[in-house]
Amino acid sequence: MIVAGSTYQQALQIAKQVLGRMEHTRGMYEGISISEIKLVNAEEDYIEDAFIQKLTFNIEIL
């Protein structure tokens, strides 16, 4: 998942919201059974006047 913001704080806040919604999520989504979602890596970057947060998740499917 890649999020971007015009300020570092904005990008970080969006990334925290995404993490809060995704990590440890379980359930059935459009016929796919998700047993768990875990954050496995996070990176930061600054590209073309945008602060970037790159979040990598491991999604376990039953």
PDB file of N, CA and C in Angstrom:
ATOM      1  N   MET A   1       0.857  -1.145   0.000  1.00  0.00           N
ATOM      2  CA  MET A   1       0.000   0.000   0.000  1.00  0.00           C
ATOM      3  C   MET A   1       0.912   1.219   0.000  1.00  0.00           C
ATOM      4  N   ILE A   2       0.661   2.156  -0.860  1.00  0.00           N
ATOM      5  CA  ILE A   2       1.442   3.388  -0.916  1.00  0.00           C
ATOM      6  C   ILE A   2       0.510   4.562  -0.644  1.00  0.00           C
ATOM      7  N   VAL A   3       0.899   5.400   0.311  1.00  0.00           N
ATOM      8  CA  VAL A   3       0.142   6.614   0.593  1.00  0.00           C
ATOM      9  C   VAL A   3       1.065   7.812   0.453  1.00  0.00           C
ATOM     10  N   ALA A   4       0.491   8.948   0.123  1.00  0.00           N
ATOM     11  CA  ALA A   4       1.279  10.162  -0.078  1.00  0.00           C
ATOM     12  C   ALA A   4       0.586  11.338   0.587  1.00  0.00           C
ATOM     13  N   GLY A   5       1.393  12.298   1.008  1.00  0.00           N
ATOM     14  CA  GLY A   5       0.858  13.512   1.602  1.00  0.00           C
ATOM     15  C   GLY A   5       1.724  14.696   1.242  1.00  0.00           C
ATOM     16  N   SER A   6       1.162  15.874   1.359  1.00  0.00           N
ATOM     17  CA  SER A   6       1.930  17.084   1.041  1.00  0.00           C
ATOM     18  C   SER A   6       2.882  17.461   2.170  1.00  0.00           C
ATOM     19  N   THR A   7       2.636  16.909   3.383  1.00  0.00           N
ATOM     20  CA  THR A   7       3.559  17.091   4.502  1.00  0.00           C
ATOM     21  C   THR A   7       3.889  15.713   5.075  1.00  0.00           C
ATOM     22  N   TYR A   8       4.993  15.651   5.784  1.00  0.00           N
ATOM     23  CA  TYR A   8       5.380  14.382   6.415  1.00  0.00           C
ATOM     24  C   TYR A   8       4.309  13.928   7.402  1.00  0.00           C
ATOM     25  N   GLN A   9       3.814  14.842   8.223  1.00  0.00           N
ATOM     26  CA  GLN A   9       2.806  14.499   9.219  1.00  0.00           C
ATOM     27  C   GLN A   9       1.519  13.978   8.576  1.00  0.00           C
ATOM     28  N   GLN A  10       1.128  14.581   7.463  1.00  0.00           N
ATOM     29  CA  GLN A  10      -0.079  14.138   6.762  1.00  0.00           C
ATOM     30  C   GLN A  10       0.103  12.713   6.236  1.00  0.00           C
ATOM     31  N   ALA A  11       1.235  12.430   5.601  1.00  0.00           N
ATOM     32  CA  ALA A  11       1.493  11.091   5.075  1.00  0.00           C
ATOM     33  C   ALA A  11       1.543  10.065   6.199  1.00  0.00           C
ATOM     34  N   LEU A  12       2.158  10.412   7.305  1.00  0.00           N
ATOM     35  CA  LEU A  12       2.247   9.519   8.449  1.00  0.00           C
ATOM     36  C   LEU A  12       0.866   9.252   9.050  1.00  0.00           C
ATOM     37  N   GLN A  13       0.038  10.277   9.149  1.00  0.00           N
ATOM     38  CA  GLN A  13      -1.314  10.121   9.686  1.00  0.00           C
ATOM     39  C   GLN A  13      -2.151   9.194   8.802  1.00  0.00           C
ATOM     40  N   ILE A  14      -2.064   9.362   7.496  1.00  0.00           N
ATOM     41  CA  ILE A  14      -2.802   8.493   6.567  1.00  0.00           C
ATOM     42  C   ILE A  14      -2.312   7.058   6.698  1.00  0.00           C
ATOM     43  N   ALA A  15      -0.992   6.877   6.762  1.00  0.00           N
ATOM     44  CA  ALA A  15      -0.421   5.534   6.900  1.00  0.00           C
ATOM     45  C   ALA A  15      -0.893   4.869   8.189  1.00  0.00           C
ATOM     46  N   LYS A  16      -0.966   5.612   9.276  1.00  0.00           N
ATOM     47  CA  LYS A  16      -1.440   5.061  10.549  1.00  0.00           C
ATOM     48  C   LYS A  16      -2.909   4.649  10.447  1.00  0.00           C
ATOM     49  N   GLN A  17      -3.703   5.426   9.723  1.00  0.00           N
ATOM     50  CA  GLN A  17      -5.114   5.074   9.542  1.00  0.00           C
ATOM     51  C   GLN A  17      -5.255   3.797   8.720  1.00  0.00           C
ATOM     52  N   VAL A  18      -4.463   3.679   7.653  1.00  0.00           N
ATOM     53  CA  VAL A  18      -4.484   2.469   6.825  1.00  0.00           C
ATOM     54  C   VAL A  18      -4.065   1.269   7.663  1.00  0.00           C
ATOM     55  N   LEU A  19      -2.993   1.411   8.419  1.00  0.00           N
ATOM     56  CA  LEU A  19      -2.514   0.333   9.273  1.00  0.00           C
ATOM     57  C   LEU A  19      -3.591  -0.087  10.275  1.00  0.00           C
ATOM     58  N   GLY A  20      -4.233   0.874  10.891  1.00  0.00           N
ATOM     59  CA  GLY A  20      -5.278   0.574  11.858  1.00  0.00           C
ATOM     60  C   GLY A  20      -6.455  -0.176  11.257  1.00  0.00           C
ATOM     61  N   ARG A  21      -6.772   0.114  10.010  1.00  0.00           N
ATOM     62  CA  ARG A  21      -7.905  -0.549   9.350  1.00  0.00           C
ATOM     63  C   ARG A  21      -7.540  -1.944   8.843  1.00  0.00           C
ATOM     64  N   MET A  22      -6.269  -2.133   8.455  1.00  0.00           N
ATOM     65  CA  MET A  22      -5.902  -3.386   7.802  1.00  0.00           C
ATOM     66  C   MET A  22      -5.294  -4.427   8.725  1.00  0.00           C
ATOM     67  N   GLU A  23      -4.401  -4.017   9.618  1.00  0.00           N
ATOM     68  CA  GLU A  23      -3.659  -5.001  10.397  1.00  0.00           C
ATOM     69  C   GLU A  23      -4.583  -5.822  11.285  1.00  0.00           C
ATOM     70  N   HIS A  24      -4.370  -7.129  11.282  1.00  0.00           N
ATOM     71  CA  HIS A  24      -5.121  -8.119  12.066  1.00  0.00           C
ATOM     72  C   HIS A  24      -6.580  -8.258  11.631  1.00  0.00           C
ATOM     73  N   THR A  25      -6.904  -7.791  10.434  1.00  0.00           N
ATOM     74  CA  THR A  25      -8.260  -7.934   9.900  1.00  0.00           C
ATOM     75  C   THR A  25      -8.510  -9.387   9.501  1.00  0.00           C
ATOM     76  N   ARG A  26      -9.713  -9.847   9.762  1.00  0.00           N
ATOM     77  CA  ARG A  26     -10.142 -11.196   9.382  1.00  0.00           C
ATOM     78  C   ARG A  26     -11.545 -11.119   8.826  1.00  0.00           C
ATOM     79  N   GLY A  27     -11.895 -12.102   8.010  1.00  0.00           N
ATOM     80  CA  GLY A  27     -13.259 -12.162   7.530  1.00  0.00           C
ATOM     81  C   GLY A  27     -13.350 -12.588   6.077  1.00  0.00           C
ATOM     82  N   MET A  28     -14.563 -12.563   5.569  1.00  0.00           N
ATOM     83  CA  MET A  28     -14.842 -12.938   4.191  1.00  0.00           C
ATOM     84  C   MET A  28     -15.062 -11.665   3.386  1.00  0.00           C
ATOM     85  N   TYR A  29     -14.284 -11.503   2.322  1.00  0.00           N
ATOM     86  CA  TYR A  29     -14.364 -10.317   1.464  1.00  0.00           C
ATOM     87  C   TYR A  29     -14.517 -10.756   0.021  1.00  0.00           C
ATOM     88  N   GLU A  30     -15.696 -10.538  -0.529  1.00  0.00           N
ATOM     89  CA  GLU A  30     -16.024 -10.891  -1.905  1.00  0.00           C
ATOM     90  C   GLU A  30     -15.646 -12.333  -2.215  1.00  0.00           C
ATOM     91  N   GLY A  31     -15.997 -13.228  -1.291  1.00  0.00           N
ATOM     92  CA  GLY A  31     -15.767 -14.651  -1.491  1.00  0.00           C
ATOM     93  C   GLY A  31     -14.376 -15.137  -1.124  1.00  0.00           C
ATOM     94  N   ILE A  32     -13.532 -14.259  -0.635  1.00  0.00           N
ATOM     95  CA  ILE A  32     -12.174 -14.642  -0.230  1.00  0.00           C
ATOM     96  C   ILE A  32     -12.098 -14.593   1.286  1.00  0.00           C
ATOM     97  N   SER A  33     -11.682 -15.701   1.882  1.00  0.00           N
ATOM     98  CA  SER A  33     -11.593 -15.785   3.336  1.00  0.00           C
ATOM     99  C   SER A  33     -10.196 -15.351   3.793  1.00  0.00           C
ATOM    100  N   ILE A  34     -10.138 -14.212   4.480  1.00  0.00           N
ATOM    101  CA  ILE A  34      -8.883 -13.662   4.992  1.00  0.00           C
ATOM    102  C   ILE A  34      -8.736 -14.110   6.441  1.00  0.00           C
ATOM    103  N   SER A  35      -7.632 -14.827   6.748  1.00  0.00           N
ATOM    104  CA  SER A  35      -7.426 -15.260   8.129  1.00  0.00           C
ATOM    105  C   SER A  35      -6.636 -14.239   8.940  1.00  0.00           C
ATOM    106  N   GLU A  36      -5.776 -13.450   8.277  1.00  0.00           N
ATOM    107  CA  GLU A  36      -5.055 -12.403   9.002  1.00  0.00           C
ATOM    108  C   GLU A  36      -4.275 -11.524   8.022  1.00  0.00           C
ATOM    109  N   ILE A  37      -4.111 -10.260   8.415  1.00  0.00           N
ATOM    110  CA  ILE A  37      -3.292  -9.311   7.662  1.00  0.00           C
ATOM    111  C   ILE A  37      -2.266  -8.741   8.635  1.00  0.00           C
ATOM    112  N   LYS A  38      -0.985  -8.814   8.256  1.00  0.00           N
ATOM    113  CA  LYS A  38       0.094  -8.317   9.113  1.00  0.00           C
ATOM    114  C   LYS A  38       0.994  -7.368   8.326  1.00  0.00           C
ATOM    115  N   LEU A  39       1.407  -6.294   8.964  1.00  0.00           N
ATOM    116  CA  LEU A  39       2.395  -5.396   8.380  1.00  0.00           C
ATOM    117  C   LEU A  39       3.753  -6.080   8.452  1.00  0.00           C
ATOM    118  N   VAL A  40       4.453  -6.187   7.313  1.00  0.00           N
ATOM    119  CA  VAL A  40       5.762  -6.849   7.307  1.00  0.00           C
ATOM    120  C   VAL A  40       6.907  -5.891   6.975  1.00  0.00           C
ATOM    121  N   ASN A  41       6.578  -4.706   6.427  1.00  0.00           N
ATOM    122  CA  ASN A  41       7.632  -3.749   6.091  1.00  0.00           C
ATOM    123  C   ASN A  41       7.014  -2.360   5.909  1.00  0.00           C
ATOM    124  N   ALA A  42       7.789  -1.349   6.246  1.00  0.00           N
ATOM    125  CA  ALA A  42       7.369   0.034   6.022  1.00  0.00           C
ATOM    126  C   ALA A  42       8.589   0.837   5.600  1.00  0.00           C
ATOM    127  N   GLU A  43       8.419   1.674   4.588  1.00  0.00           N
ATOM    128  CA  GLU A  43       9.495   2.521   4.078  1.00  0.00           C
ATOM    129  C   GLU A  43       8.957   3.926   3.863  1.00  0.00           C
ATOM    130  N   GLU A  44       9.861   4.900   3.925  1.00  0.00           N
ATOM    131  CA  GLU A  44       9.503   6.292   3.671  1.00  0.00           C
ATOM    132  C   GLU A  44      10.318   6.814   2.498  1.00  0.00           C
ATOM    133  N   ASP A  45       9.742   7.772   1.789  1.00  0.00           N
ATOM    134  CA  ASP A  45      10.443   8.380   0.657  1.00  0.00           C
ATOM    135  C   ASP A  45       9.905   9.791   0.456  1.00  0.00           C
ATOM    136  N   TYR A  46      10.607  10.554  -0.325  1.00  0.00           N
ATOM    137  CA  TYR A  46      10.166  11.901  -0.709  1.00  0.00           C
ATOM    138  C   TYR A  46      10.391  12.018  -2.211  1.00  0.00           C
ATOM    139  N   ILE A  47       9.292  12.120  -2.959  1.00  0.00           N
ATOM    140  CA  ILE A  47       9.369  12.137  -4.419  1.00  0.00           C
ATOM    141  C   ILE A  47       8.488  13.261  -4.949  1.00  0.00           C
ATOM    142  N   GLU A  48       9.046  14.111  -5.772  1.00  0.00           N
ATOM    143  CA  GLU A  48       8.308  15.170  -6.464  1.00  0.00           C
ATOM    144  C   GLU A  48       7.381  15.942  -5.518  1.00  0.00           C
ATOM    145  N   ASP A  49       7.938  16.473  -4.460  1.00  0.00           N
ATOM    146  CA  ASP A  49       7.212  17.290  -3.491  1.00  0.00           C
ATOM    147  C   ASP A  49       6.130  16.537  -2.722  1.00  0.00           C
ATOM    148  N   ALA A  50       6.243  15.220  -2.620  1.00  0.00           N
ATOM    149  CA  ALA A  50       5.274  14.429  -1.861  1.00  0.00           C
ATOM    150  C   ALA A  50       6.019  13.502  -0.898  1.00  0.00           C
ATOM    151  N   PHE A  51       5.499  13.415   0.308  1.00  0.00           N
ATOM    152  CA  PHE A  51       6.033  12.489   1.302  1.00  0.00           C
ATOM    153  C   PHE A  51       5.308  11.157   1.129  1.00  0.00           C
ATOM    154  N   ILE A  52       6.071  10.090   0.969  1.00  0.00           N
ATOM    155  CA  ILE A  52       5.532   8.777   0.638  1.00  0.00           C
ATOM    156  C   ILE A  52       5.743   7.821   1.805  1.00  0.00           C
ATOM    157  N   GLN A  53       4.707   7.045   2.113  1.00  0.00           N
ATOM    158  CA  GLN A  53       4.786   5.953   3.077  1.00  0.00           C
ATOM    159  C   GLN A  53       4.418   4.676   2.324  1.00  0.00           C
ATOM    160  N   LYS A  54       5.343   3.726   2.291  1.00  0.00           N
ATOM    161  CA  LYS A  54       5.101   2.436   1.608  1.00  0.00           C
ATOM    162  C   LYS A  54       4.911   1.370   2.675  1.00  0.00           C
ATOM    163  N   LEU A  55       3.735   0.766   2.701  1.00  0.00           N
ATOM    164  CA  LEU A  55       3.404  -0.264   3.671  1.00  0.00           C
ATOM    165  C   LEU A  55       3.231  -1.595   2.942  1.00  0.00           C
ATOM    166  N   THR A  56       3.942  -2.611   3.408  1.00  0.00           N
ATOM    167  CA  THR A  56       3.827  -3.943   2.818  1.00  0.00           C
ATOM    168  C   THR A  56       3.158  -4.870   3.820  1.00  0.00           C
ATOM    169  N   PHE A  57       2.094  -5.500   3.380  1.00  0.00           N
ATOM    170  CA  PHE A  57       1.319  -6.394   4.247  1.00  0.00           C
ATOM    171  C   PHE A  57       1.419  -7.830   3.766  1.00  0.00           C
ATOM    172  N   ASN A  58       1.390  -8.755   4.701  1.00  0.00           N
ATOM    173  CA  ASN A  58       1.268 -10.183   4.399  1.00  0.00           C
ATOM    174  C   ASN A  58      -0.191 -10.537   4.661  1.00  0.00           C
ATOM    175  N   ILE A  59      -0.876 -11.033   3.632  1.00  0.00           N
ATOM    176  CA  ILE A  59      -2.287 -11.389   3.745  1.00  0.00           C
ATOM    177  C   ILE A  59      -2.414 -12.895   3.672  1.00  0.00           C
ATOM    178  N   GLU A  60      -2.928 -13.495   4.759  1.00  0.00           N
ATOM    179  CA  GLU A  60      -3.116 -14.941   4.808  1.00  0.00           C
ATOM    180  C   GLU A  60      -4.541 -15.273   4.391  1.00  0.00           C
ATOM    181  N   ILE A  61      -4.642 -16.118   3.356  1.00  0.00           N
ATOM    182  CA  ILE A  61      -5.934 -16.519   2.809  1.00  0.00           C
ATOM    183  C   ILE A  61      -6.167 -17.980   3.139  1.00  0.00           C
ATOM    184  N   LEU A  62      -7.381 -18.292   3.599  1.00  0.00           N
ATOM    185  CA  LEU A  62      -7.721 -19.683   3.896  1.00  0.00           C
ATOM    186  C   LEU A  62      -8.109 -20.421   2.646  1.00  0.00           C
TER     187      LEU A  62
END
